[in-house]
Amino acid sequence: LPRGQYEAADALGLSYWHKTGLIILPQALRLVIPPLVNTFIGF
């Protein structure tokens, strides 16, 4: 994720957990769907 996403969340005054749960994690998990599912299949 670009640094701007973190800075935008901080600018909104969100707490760490709100920033992570509402902005950072949803975007991060979208980016890694292929390797996530590849790991699921392997296990």
All heavy atoms as atom14 arrays in JSON, in Angstrom:
{
  "sequence": "LPRGQYEAADALGLSYWHKTGLIILPQALRLVIPPLVNTFIGF",
  "atom14_mask": [
    [1, 1, 1, 1, 1, 1, 1, 1, 0, 0, 0, 0, 0, 0],
    [1, 1, 1, 1, 1, 1, 1, 0, 0, 0, 0, 0, 0, 0],
    [1, 1, 1, 1, 1, 1, 1, 1, 1, 1, 1, 0, 0, 0],
    [1, 1, 1, 1, 0, 0, 0, 0, 0, 0, 0, 0, 0, 0],
    [1, 1, 1, 1, 1, 1, 1, 1, 1, 0, 0, 0, 0, 0],
    [1, 1, 1, 1, 1, 1, 1, 1, 1, 1, 1, 1, 0, 0],
    [1, 1, 1, 1, 1, 1, 1, 1, 1, 0, 0, 0, 0, 0],
    [1, 1, 1, 1, 1, 0, 0, 0, 0, 0, 0, 0, 0, 0],
    [1, 1, 1, 1, 1, 0, 0, 0, 0, 0, 0, 0, 0, 0],
    [1, 1, 1, 1, 1, 1, 1, 1, 0, 0, 0, 0, 0, 0],
    [1, 1, 1, 1, 1, 0, 0, 0, 0, 0, 0, 0, 0, 0],
    [1, 1, 1, 1, 1, 1, 1, 1, 0, 0, 0, 0, 0, 0],
    [1, 1, 1, 1, 0, 0, 0, 0, 0, 0, 0, 0, 0, 0],
    [1, 1, 1, 1, 1, 1, 1, 1, 0, 0, 0, 0, 0, 0],
    [1, 1, 1, 1, 1, 1, 0, 0, 0, 0, 0, 0, 0, 0],
    [1, 1, 1, 1, 1, 1, 1, 1, 1, 1, 1, 1, 0, 0],
    [1, 1, 1, 1, 1, 1, 1, 1, 1, 1, 1, 1, 1, 1],
    [1, 1, 1, 1, 1, 1, 1, 1, 1, 1, 0, 0, 0, 0],
    [1, 1, 1, 1, 1, 1, 1, 1, 1, 0, 0, 0, 0, 0],
    [1, 1, 1, 1, 1, 1, 1, 0, 0, 0, 0, 0, 0, 0],
    [1, 1, 1, 1, 0, 0, 0, 0, 0, 0, 0, 0, 0, 0],
    [1, 1, 1, 1, 1, 1, 1, 1, 0, 0, 0, 0, 0, 0],
    [1, 1, 1, 1, 1, 1, 1, 1, 0, 0, 0, 0, 0, 0],
    [1, 1, 1, 1, 1, 1, 1, 1, 0, 0, 0, 0, 0, 0],
    [1, 1, 1, 1, 1, 1, 1, 1, 0, 0, 0, 0, 0, 0],
    [1, 1, 1, 1, 1, 1, 1, 0, 0, 0, 0, 0, 0, 0],
    [1, 1, 1, 1, 1, 1, 1, 1, 1, 0, 0, 0, 0, 0],
    [1, 1, 1, 1, 1, 0, 0, 0, 0, 0, 0, 0, 0, 0],
    [1, 1, 1, 1, 1, 1, 1, 1, 0, 0, 0, 0, 0, 0],
    [1, 1, 1, 1, 1, 1, 1, 1, 1, 1, 1, 0, 0, 0],
    [1, 1, 1, 1, 1, 1, 1, 1, 0, 0, 0, 0, 0, 0],
    [1, 1, 1, 1, 1, 1, 1, 0, 0, 0, 0, 0, 0, 0],
    [1, 1, 1, 1, 1, 1, 1, 1, 0, 0, 0, 0, 0, 0],
    [1, 1, 1, 1, 1, 1, 1, 0, 0, 0, 0, 0, 0, 0],
    [1, 1, 1, 1, 1, 1, 1, 0, 0, 0, 0, 0, 0, 0],
    [1, 1, 1, 1, 1, 1, 1, 1, 0, 0, 0, 0, 0, 0],
    [1, 1, 1, 1, 1, 1, 1, 0, 0, 0, 0, 0, 0, 0],
    [1, 1, 1, 1, 1, 1, 1, 1, 0, 0, 0, 0, 0, 0],
    [1, 1, 1, 1, 1, 1, 1, 0, 0, 0, 0, 0, 0, 0],
    [1, 1, 1, 1, 1, 1, 1, 1, 1, 1, 1, 0, 0, 0],
    [1, 1, 1, 1, 1, 1, 1, 1, 0, 0, 0, 0, 0, 0],
    [1, 1, 1, 1, 0, 0, 0, 0, 0, 0, 0, 0, 0, 0],
    [1, 1, 1, 1, 1, 1, 1, 1, 1, 1, 1, 0, 0, 0]
  ],
  "atom14_positions": [
    [[0.83, -1.21, 0.0], [0.0, 0.0, 0.0], [0.86, 1.25, 0.0], [1.87, 1.32, 0.71], [-0.9, 0.01, 1.24], [-2.11, -0.92, 1.23], [-2.9, -0.74, 2.52], [-3.0, -0.67, 0.04], [0.0, 0.0, 0.0], [0.0, 0.0, 0.0], [0.0, 0.0, 0.0], [0.0, 0.0, 0.0], [0.0, 0.0, 0.0], [0.0, 0.0, 0.0]],
    [[0.49, 2.24, -0.75], [1.26, 3.5, -0.75], [1.16, 4.2, 0.6], [0.16, 4.07, 1.32], [0.62, 4.32, -1.87], [-0.74, 3.74, -2.04], [-0.63, 2.29, -1.72], [0.0, 0.0, 0.0], [0.0, 0.0, 0.0], [0.0, 0.0, 0.0], [0.0, 0.0, 0.0], [0.0, 0.0, 0.0], [0.0, 0.0, 0.0], [0.0, 0.0, 0.0]],
    [[2.18, 4.94, 0.92], [2.23, 5.63, 2.2], [1.08, 6.62, 2.37], [0.63, 6.9, 3.48], [3.57, 6.37, 2.31], [3.81, 7.05, 3.64], [3.91, 6.04, 4.76], [3.99, 6.68, 6.07], [3.94, 6.02, 7.21], [3.79, 4.7, 7.19], [4.01, 6.66, 8.35], [0.0, 0.0, 0.0], [0.0, 0.0, 0.0], [0.0, 0.0, 0.0]],
    [[0.56, 7.11, 1.26], [-0.52, 8.08, 1.33], [-1.77, 7.56, 2.0], [-2.54, 8.32, 2.59], [0.0, 0.0, 0.0], [0.0, 0.0, 0.0], [0.0, 0.0, 0.0], [0.0, 0.0, 0.0], [0.0, 0.0, 0.0], [0.0, 0.0, 0.0], [0.0, 0.0, 0.0], [0.0, 0.0, 0.0], [0.0, 0.0, 0.0], [0.0, 0.0, 0.0]],
    [[-2.02, 6.25, 1.89], [-3.19, 5.67, 2.53], [-3.09, 5.78, 4.06], [-4.07, 6.09, 4.74], [-3.34, 4.2, 2.12], [-3.59, 3.99, 0.64], [-4.93, 4.53, 0.22], [-5.92, 4.45, 0.95], [-4.98, 5.11, -0.97], [0.0, 0.0, 0.0], [0.0, 0.0, 0.0], [0.0, 0.0, 0.0], [0.0, 0.0, 0.0], [0.0, 0.0, 0.0]],
    [[-1.91, 5.52, 4.58], [-1.71, 5.64, 6.02], [-1.83, 7.1, 6.46], [-2.45, 7.42, 7.49], [-0.32, 5.11, 6.4], [-0.15, 3.63, 6.18], [0.28, 3.13, 4.95], [-0.39, 2.71, 7.19], [0.44, 1.78, 4.74], [-0.22, 1.35, 6.99], [0.2, 0.88, 5.77], [0.35, -0.46, 5.57], [0.0, 0.0, 0.0], [0.0, 0.0, 0.0]],
    [[-1.24, 8.0, 5.67], [-1.28, 9.41, 6.04], [-2.69, 9.98, 5.95], [-3.09, 10.8, 6.79], [-0.34, 10.19, 5.12], [1.13, 9.81, 5.3], [2.02, 10.47, 4.27], [1.46, 11.04, 3.29], [3.26, 10.41, 4.42], [0.0, 0.0, 0.0], [0.0, 0.0, 0.0], [0.0, 0.0, 0.0], [0.0, 0.0, 0.0], [0.0, 0.0, 0.0]],
    [[-3.47, 9.53, 4.96], [-4.85, 10.0, 4.84], [-5.68, 9.53, 6.03], [-6.52, 10.28, 6.55], [-5.46, 9.5, 3.53], [0.0, 0.0, 0.0], [0.0, 0.0, 0.0], [0.0, 0.0, 0.0], [0.0, 0.0, 0.0], [0.0, 0.0, 0.0], [0.0, 0.0, 0.0], [0.0, 0.0, 0.0], [0.0, 0.0, 0.0], [0.0, 0.0, 0.0]],
    [[-5.46, 8.28, 6.45], [-6.19, 7.77, 7.62], [-5.81, 8.54, 8.88], [-6.68, 8.85, 9.72], [-5.9, 6.28, 7.79], [0.0, 0.0, 0.0], [0.0, 0.0, 0.0], [0.0, 0.0, 0.0], [0.0, 0.0, 0.0], [0.0, 0.0, 0.0], [0.0, 0.0, 0.0], [0.0, 0.0, 0.0], [0.0, 0.0, 0.0], [0.0, 0.0, 0.0]],
    [[-4.54, 8.87, 9.01], [-4.11, 9.66, 10.18], [-4.7, 11.07, 10.13], [-5.06, 11.64, 11.17], [-2.58, 9.74, 10.22], [-1.95, 8.39, 10.53], [-2.62, 7.57, 11.2], [-0.8, 8.16, 10.11], [0.0, 0.0, 0.0], [0.0, 0.0, 0.0], [0.0, 0.0, 0.0], [0.0, 0.0, 0.0], [0.0, 0.0, 0.0], [0.0, 0.0, 0.0]],
    [[-4.81, 11.62, 8.93], [-5.37, 12.96, 8.79], [-6.84, 13.0, 9.19], [-7.33, 14.05, 9.63], [-5.19, 13.45, 7.36], [0.0, 0.0, 0.0], [0.0, 0.0, 0.0], [0.0, 0.0, 0.0], [0.0, 0.0, 0.0], [0.0, 0.0, 0.0], [0.0, 0.0, 0.0], [0.0, 0.0, 0.0], [0.0, 0.0, 0.0], [0.0, 0.0, 0.0]],
    [[-7.55, 11.89, 9.04], [-8.95, 11.83, 9.45], [-9.12, 11.69, 10.95], [-10.24, 11.74, 11.45], [-9.64, 10.65, 8.74], [-9.82, 10.78, 7.22], [-10.39, 9.49, 6.65], [-10.73, 11.96, 6.89], [0.0, 0.0, 0.0], [0.0, 0.0, 0.0], [0.0, 0.0, 0.0], [0.0, 0.0, 0.0], [0.0, 0.0, 0.0], [0.0, 0.0, 0.0]],
    [[-8.01, 11.49, 11.65], [-8.07, 11.35, 13.09], [-8.52, 9.98, 13.57], [-8.99, 9.86, 14.71], [0.0, 0.0, 0.0], [0.0, 0.0, 0.0], [0.0, 0.0, 0.0], [0.0, 0.0, 0.0], [0.0, 0.0, 0.0], [0.0, 0.0, 0.0], [0.0, 0.0, 0.0], [0.0, 0.0, 0.0], [0.0, 0.0, 0.0], [0.0, 0.0, 0.0]],
    [[-8.39, 8.96, 12.73], [-8.82, 7.61, 13.11], [-7.81, 7.0, 14.07], [-6.6, 7.25, 13.99], [-8.95, 6.72, 11.87], [-10.0, 7.15, 10.84], [-9.97, 6.19, 9.66], [-11.39, 7.18, 11.46], [0.0, 0.0, 0.0], [0.0, 0.0, 0.0], [0.0, 0.0, 0.0], [0.0, 0.0, 0.0], [0.0, 0.0, 0.0], [0.0, 0.0, 0.0]],
    [[-8.32, 6.16, 14.96], [-7.44, 5.42, 15.85], [-6.72, 4.33, 15.07], [-7.06, 4.05, 13.92], [-8.24, 4.8, 17.0], [-9.14, 3.82, 16.49], [0.0, 0.0, 0.0], [0.0, 0.0, 0.0], [0.0, 0.0, 0.0], [0.0, 0.0, 0.0], [0.0, 0.0, 0.0], [0.0, 0.0, 0.0], [0.0, 0.0, 0.0], [0.0, 0.0, 0.0]],
    [[-5.75, 3.69, 15.72], [-4.96, 2.67, 15.03], [-5.84, 1.53, 14.53], [-5.73, 1.1, 13.38], [-3.87, 2.13, 15.97], [-3.12, 0.95, 15.39], [-2.1, 1.14, 14.46], [-3.45, -0.37, 15.74], [-1.42, 0.07, 13.92], [-2.78, -1.45, 15.21], [-1.76, -1.23, 14.3], [-1.1, -2.29, 13.76], [0.0, 0.0, 0.0], [0.0, 0.0, 0.0]],
    [[-6.75, 1.05, 15.4], [-7.56, -0.11, 15.02], [-8.61, 0.27, 13.99], [-8.91, -0.53, 13.1], [-8.2, -0.73, 16.25], [-7.19, -1.35, 17.17], [-6.81, -0.91, 18.41], [-6.41, -2.52, 16.9], [-5.85, -1.74, 18.94], [-5.57, -2.74, 18.04], [-6.32, -3.4, 15.83], [-4.69, -3.79, 18.12], [-5.44, -4.46, 15.9], [-4.63, -4.66, 17.02]],
    [[-9.19, 1.48, 14.09], [-10.13, 1.9, 13.05], [-9.42, 2.09, 11.72], [-9.94, 1.71, 10.66], [-10.81, 3.21, 13.47], [-11.9, 3.03, 14.47], [-11.69, 3.07, 15.82], [-13.24, 2.78, 14.31], [-12.82, 2.87, 16.46], [-13.78, 2.69, 15.57], [0.0, 0.0, 0.0], [0.0, 0.0, 0.0], [0.0, 0.0, 0.0], [0.0, 0.0, 0.0]],
    [[-8.25, 2.7, 11.75], [-7.47, 2.88, 10.53], [-7.12, 1.55, 9.89], [-7.26, 1.36, 8.67], [-6.2, 3.67, 10.84], [-5.26, 3.81, 9.66], [-4.01, 4.59, 10.06], [-3.14, 3.79, 11.02], [-1.86, 4.48, 11.32], [0.0, 0.0, 0.0], [0.0, 0.0, 0.0], [0.0, 0.0, 0.0], [0.0, 0.0, 0.0], [0.0, 0.0, 0.0]],
    [[-6.7, 0.59, 10.73], [-6.28, -0.72, 10.2], [-7.47, -1.51, 9.68], [-7.41, -2.11, 8.59], [-5.56, -1.51, 11.3], [-4.43, -0.76, 11.77], [-5.1, -2.86, 10.76], [0.0, 0.0, 0.0], [0.0, 0.0, 0.0], [0.0, 0.0, 0.0], [0.0, 0.0, 0.0], [0.0, 0.0, 0.0], [0.0, 0.0, 0.0], [0.0, 0.0, 0.0]],
    [[-8.57, -1.53, 10.45], [-9.71, -2.36, 10.07], [-10.55, -1.81, 8.94], [-11.13, -2.59, 8.17], [0.0, 0.0, 0.0], [0.0, 0.0, 0.0], [0.0, 0.0, 0.0], [0.0, 0.0, 0.0], [0.0, 0.0, 0.0], [0.0, 0.0, 0.0], [0.0, 0.0, 0.0], [0.0, 0.0, 0.0], [0.0, 0.0, 0.0], [0.0, 0.0, 0.0]],
    [[-10.61, -0.48, 8.82], [-11.49, 0.13, 7.83], [-10.78, 0.55, 6.55], [-11.42, 0.63, 5.5], [-12.19, 1.35, 8.44], [-13.09, 1.07, 9.65], [-13.66, 2.37, 10.2], [-14.21, 0.11, 9.29], [0.0, 0.0, 0.0], [0.0, 0.0, 0.0], [0.0, 0.0, 0.0], [0.0, 0.0, 0.0], [0.0, 0.0, 0.0], [0.0, 0.0, 0.0]],
    [[-9.51, 0.83, 6.61], [-8.81, 1.38, 5.45], [-7.65, 0.49, 4.99], [-7.57, 0.11, 3.82], [-8.29, 2.81, 5.75], [-9.48, 3.74, 6.01], [-7.44, 3.33, 4.61], [-9.1, 5.16, 6.35], [0.0, 0.0, 0.0], [0.0, 0.0, 0.0], [0.0, 0.0, 0.0], [0.0, 0.0, 0.0], [0.0, 0.0, 0.0], [0.0, 0.0, 0.0]],
    [[-6.77, 0.14, 5.91], [-5.53, -0.54, 5.51], [-5.76, -2.0, 5.15], [-5.43, -2.44, 4.04], [-4.48, -0.41, 6.64], [-4.25, 1.06, 6.98], [-3.19, -1.1, 6.23], [-3.8, 1.9, 5.82], [0.0, 0.0, 0.0], [0.0, 0.0, 0.0], [0.0, 0.0, 0.0], [0.0, 0.0, 0.0], [0.0, 0.0, 0.0], [0.0, 0.0, 0.0]],
    [[-6.34, -2.78, 6.07], [-6.48, -4.21, 5.83], [-7.35, -4.54, 4.61], [-6.98, -5.42, 3.82], [-7.03, -4.9, 7.07], [-6.01, -5.42, 8.09], [-6.7, -6.09, 9.25], [-5.03, -6.37, 7.42], [0.0, 0.0, 0.0], [0.0, 0.0, 0.0], [0.0, 0.0, 0.0], [0.0, 0.0, 0.0], [0.0, 0.0, 0.0], [0.0, 0.0, 0.0]],
    [[-8.52, -3.9, 4.43], [-9.31, -4.25, 3.23], [-8.53, -4.09, 1.93], [-8.62, -4.93, 1.03], [-10.49, -3.28, 3.32], [-10.63, -2.98, 4.77], [-9.22, -2.95, 5.29], [0.0, 0.0, 0.0], [0.0, 0.0, 0.0], [0.0, 0.0, 0.0], [0.0, 0.0, 0.0], [0.0, 0.0, 0.0], [0.0, 0.0, 0.0], [0.0, 0.0, 0.0]],
    [[-7.76, -3.0, 1.82], [-6.98, -2.8, 0.6], [-5.82, -3.77, 0.49], [-5.51, -4.28, -0.59], [-6.46, -1.36, 0.56], [-7.54, -0.31, 0.49], [-6.95, 1.09, 0.36], [-6.51, 1.48, -0.72], [-6.92, 1.82, 1.46], [0.0, 0.0, 0.0], [0.0, 0.0, 0.0], [0.0, 0.0, 0.0], [0.0, 0.0, 0.0], [0.0, 0.0, 0.0]],
    [[-5.16, -4.05, 1.62], [-4.01, -4.96, 1.6], [-4.44, -6.37, 1.22], [-3.75, -7.05, 0.44], [-3.32, -4.95, 2.96], [0.0, 0.0, 0.0], [0.0, 0.0, 0.0], [0.0, 0.0, 0.0], [0.0, 0.0, 0.0], [0.0, 0.0, 0.0], [0.0, 0.0, 0.0], [0.0, 0.0, 0.0], [0.0, 0.0, 0.0], [0.0, 0.0, 0.0]],
    [[-5.56, -6.82, 1.76], [-6.0, -8.18, 1.46], [-6.46, -8.33, 0.02], [-6.32, -9.4, -0.58], [-7.13, -8.58, 2.42], [-6.74, -8.69, 3.9], [-7.94, -9.07, 4.75], [-5.61, -9.69, 4.09], [0.0, 0.0, 0.0], [0.0, 0.0, 0.0], [0.0, 0.0, 0.0], [0.0, 0.0, 0.0], [0.0, 0.0, 0.0], [0.0, 0.0, 0.0]],
    [[-7.01, -7.26, -0.55], [-7.39, -7.32, -1.96], [-6.17, -7.54, -2.85], [-6.24, -8.23, -3.87], [-8.08, -6.01, -2.37], [-9.47, -5.84, -1.82], [-10.05, -4.51, -2.25], [-11.36, -4.28, -1.66], [-12.09, -3.19, -1.88], [-11.63, -2.24, -2.68], [-13.27, -3.06, -1.32], [0.0, 0.0, 0.0], [0.0, 0.0, 0.0], [0.0, 0.0, 0.0]],
    [[-5.06, -6.96, -2.47], [-3.86, -7.06, -3.29], [-3.25, -8.46, -3.27], [-2.52, -8.84, -4.19], [-2.82, -6.04, -2.81], [-3.17, -4.56, -2.98], [-2.1, -3.69, -2.36], [-3.34, -4.22, -4.47], [0.0, 0.0, 0.0], [0.0, 0.0, 0.0], [0.0, 0.0, 0.0], [0.0, 0.0, 0.0], [0.0, 0.0, 0.0], [0.0, 0.0, 0.0]],
    [[-3.5, -9.21, -2.2], [-2.81, -10.5, -2.04], [-3.78, -11.67, -2.1], [-3.52, -12.73, -1.53], [-2.02, -10.52, -0.72], [-0.88, -9.54, -0.76], [-2.93, -10.24, 0.49], [0.0, 0.0, 0.0], [0.0, 0.0, 0.0], [0.0, 0.0, 0.0], [0.0, 0.0, 0.0], [0.0, 0.0, 0.0], [0.0, 0.0, 0.0], [0.0, 0.0, 0.0]],
    [[-4.9, -11.51, -2.79], [-5.84, -12.63, -2.92], [-5.2, -13.84, -3.59], [-5.33, -14.97, -3.1], [-7.11, -12.18, -3.68], [-7.96, -11.26, -2.79], [-7.95, -13.39, -4.1], [-9.18, -10.71, -3.48], [0.0, 0.0, 0.0], [0.0, 0.0, 0.0], [0.0, 0.0, 0.0], [0.0, 0.0, 0.0], [0.0, 0.0, 0.0], [0.0, 0.0, 0.0]],
    [[-4.47, -13.69, -4.72], [-3.85, -14.88, -5.34], [-2.89, -15.63, -4.43], [-3.02, -16.85, -4.28], [-3.15, -14.3, -6.57], [-3.9, -13.06, -6.89], [-4.29, -12.49, -5.56], [0.0, 0.0, 0.0], [0.0, 0.0, 0.0], [0.0, 0.0, 0.0], [0.0, 0.0, 0.0], [0.0, 0.0, 0.0], [0.0, 0.0, 0.0], [0.0, 0.0, 0.0]],
    [[-1.91, -14.97, -3.78], [-1.03, -15.74, -2.89], [-1.75, -16.3, -1.66], [-1.37, -17.35, -1.15], [0.06, -14.75, -2.51], [-0.5, -13.4, -2.77], [-1.43, -13.58, -3.92], [0.0, 0.0, 0.0], [0.0, 0.0, 0.0], [0.0, 0.0, 0.0], [0.0, 0.0, 0.0], [0.0, 0.0, 0.0], [0.0, 0.0, 0.0], [0.0, 0.0, 0.0]],
    [[-2.78, -15.6, -1.18], [-3.54, -16.13, -0.05], [-4.21, -17.44, -0.41], [-4.1, -18.44, 0.31], [-4.59, -15.11, 0.4], [-4.17, -14.01, 1.37], [-5.34, -13.08, 1.65], [-3.64, -14.61, 2.67], [0.0, 0.0, 0.0], [0.0, 0.0, 0.0], [0.0, 0.0, 0.0], [0.0, 0.0, 0.0], [0.0, 0.0, 0.0], [0.0, 0.0, 0.0]],
    [[-4.91, -17.45, -1.55], [-5.61, -18.66, -1.96], [-4.61, -19.76, -2.33], [-4.86, -20.94, -2.08], [-6.56, -18.36, -3.13], [-7.23, -19.63, -3.64], [-7.62, -17.35, -2.69], [0.0, 0.0, 0.0], [0.0, 0.0, 0.0], [0.0, 0.0, 0.0], [0.0, 0.0, 0.0], [0.0, 0.0, 0.0], [0.0, 0.0, 0.0], [0.0, 0.0, 0.0]],
    [[-3.48, -19.38, -2.9], [-2.45, -20.37, -3.19], [-1.97, -21.05, -1.91], [-1.77, -22.27, -1.86], [-1.28, -19.69, -3.89], [-0.19, -20.66, -4.28], [-0.41, -21.57, -5.07], [0.99, -20.49, -3.71], [0.0, 0.0, 0.0], [0.0, 0.0, 0.0], [0.0, 0.0, 0.0], [0.0, 0.0, 0.0], [0.0, 0.0, 0.0], [0.0, 0.0, 0.0]],
    [[-1.82, -20.26, -0.83], [-1.43, -20.83, 0.46], [-2.54, -21.7, 1.03], [-2.27, -22.76, 1.6], [-1.08, -19.7, 1.44], [-0.11, -18.84, 0.84], [-0.5, -20.26, 2.73], [0.0, 0.0, 0.0], [0.0, 0.0, 0.0], [0.0, 0.0, 0.0], [0.0, 0.0, 0.0], [0.0, 0.0, 0.0], [0.0, 0.0, 0.0], [0.0, 0.0, 0.0]],
    [[-3.8, -21.27, 0.87], [-4.93, -22.08, 1.33], [-4.92, -23.45, 0.65], [-5.1, -24.49, 1.29], [-6.25, -21.37, 1.04], [-6.53, -20.18, 1.92], [-7.51, -19.28, 1.59], [-5.8, -19.97, 3.07], [-7.77, -18.18, 2.39], [-6.04, -18.87, 3.88], [-7.03, -17.97, 3.54], [0.0, 0.0, 0.0], [0.0, 0.0, 0.0], [0.0, 0.0, 0.0]],
    [[-4.73, -23.43, -0.66], [-4.73, -24.69, -1.42], [-3.59, -25.59, -0.96], [-3.76, -26.8, -0.8], [-4.64, -24.39, -2.93], [-5.93, -23.73, -3.43], [-4.37, -25.66, -3.72], [-5.88, -23.27, -4.86], [0.0, 0.0, 0.0], [0.0, 0.0, 0.0], [0.0, 0.0, 0.0], [0.0, 0.0, 0.0], [0.0, 0.0, 0.0], [0.0, 0.0, 0.0]],
    [[-2.41, -24.99, -0.76], [-1.28, -25.79, -0.32], [-1.52, -26.45, 1.02], [-1.21, -27.64, 1.2], [0.0, 0.0, 0.0], [0.0, 0.0, 0.0], [0.0, 0.0, 0.0], [0.0, 0.0, 0.0], [0.0, 0.0, 0.0], [0.0, 0.0, 0.0], [0.0, 0.0, 0.0], [0.0, 0.0, 0.0], [0.0, 0.0, 0.0], [0.0, 0.0, 0.0]],
    [[-2.12, -25.72, 1.96], [-2.34, -26.3, 3.28], [-3.52, -27.27, 3.28], [-3.56, -28.17, 4.12], [-2.54, -25.19, 4.31], [-1.26, -24.57, 4.75], [-0.9, -23.31, 4.32], [-0.37, -25.26, 5.55], [0.3, -22.74, 4.7], [0.83, -24.7, 5.94], [1.17, -23.44, 5.51], [0.0, 0.0, 0.0], [0.0, 0.0, 0.0], [0.0, 0.0, 0.0]]
  ]
}
